Amino acid sequence: MNKQKTINYSRIAEAIEYLLQSVKKPSSLEEIAAKMHLSPSQFQQLFTDWAGVSPKKFLQYISVQHAKQVLDNSQFPFAETAFKSRLSATGRLHDLFVKIERMTPEEYKNNGEKLSINYSFSESLFGNVLVASTHKGICYLCFADNEQLS
């Protein structure tokens, strides 16, 4: 790896670690970029290039992961779960869950009880795929070889 790629890799690794460690306290794009000695737009572009998602999307994913841990390990009401996950309100928790998991926090907390998941196999340019969905959208997609389909 050339020197600039090594520097960029280290910056993004540090940024990801920082975001993971600060899941309970909000950080703005400007704060994180300053910590990496970059402008917000430079940081956004570099992060997206290296991580494959924007910093905002990454924060959404880790916020939902954190909320799932809180829901799994507690009897907190959804308002407190939202607060402990850096989300502004239960509506935000609900919206993120539906957007990312394709189920509500309540459905997740109830282990998908009474949740109907449909699935089908299909062909793609990259091989056979298994697609699963709820009435809210696709919740699972994977590639499957012919042996798995038998």
Foldseek 3Di string as FASTA:
>chain_A
DDPVVVLLVVLLVVLLVVLLVCQQPDDDLQRSCVVSVHGSVVVQVSNCVPVVDGPVVVSLVSLLVQLLVDLVPDPDDLQVSCNRRVHDGSVRQQVSCCVQQVDGSVCVSVVNVVWDKDWDWDADPVGIKIWIHTPSGTRDMDHDHPVVVD
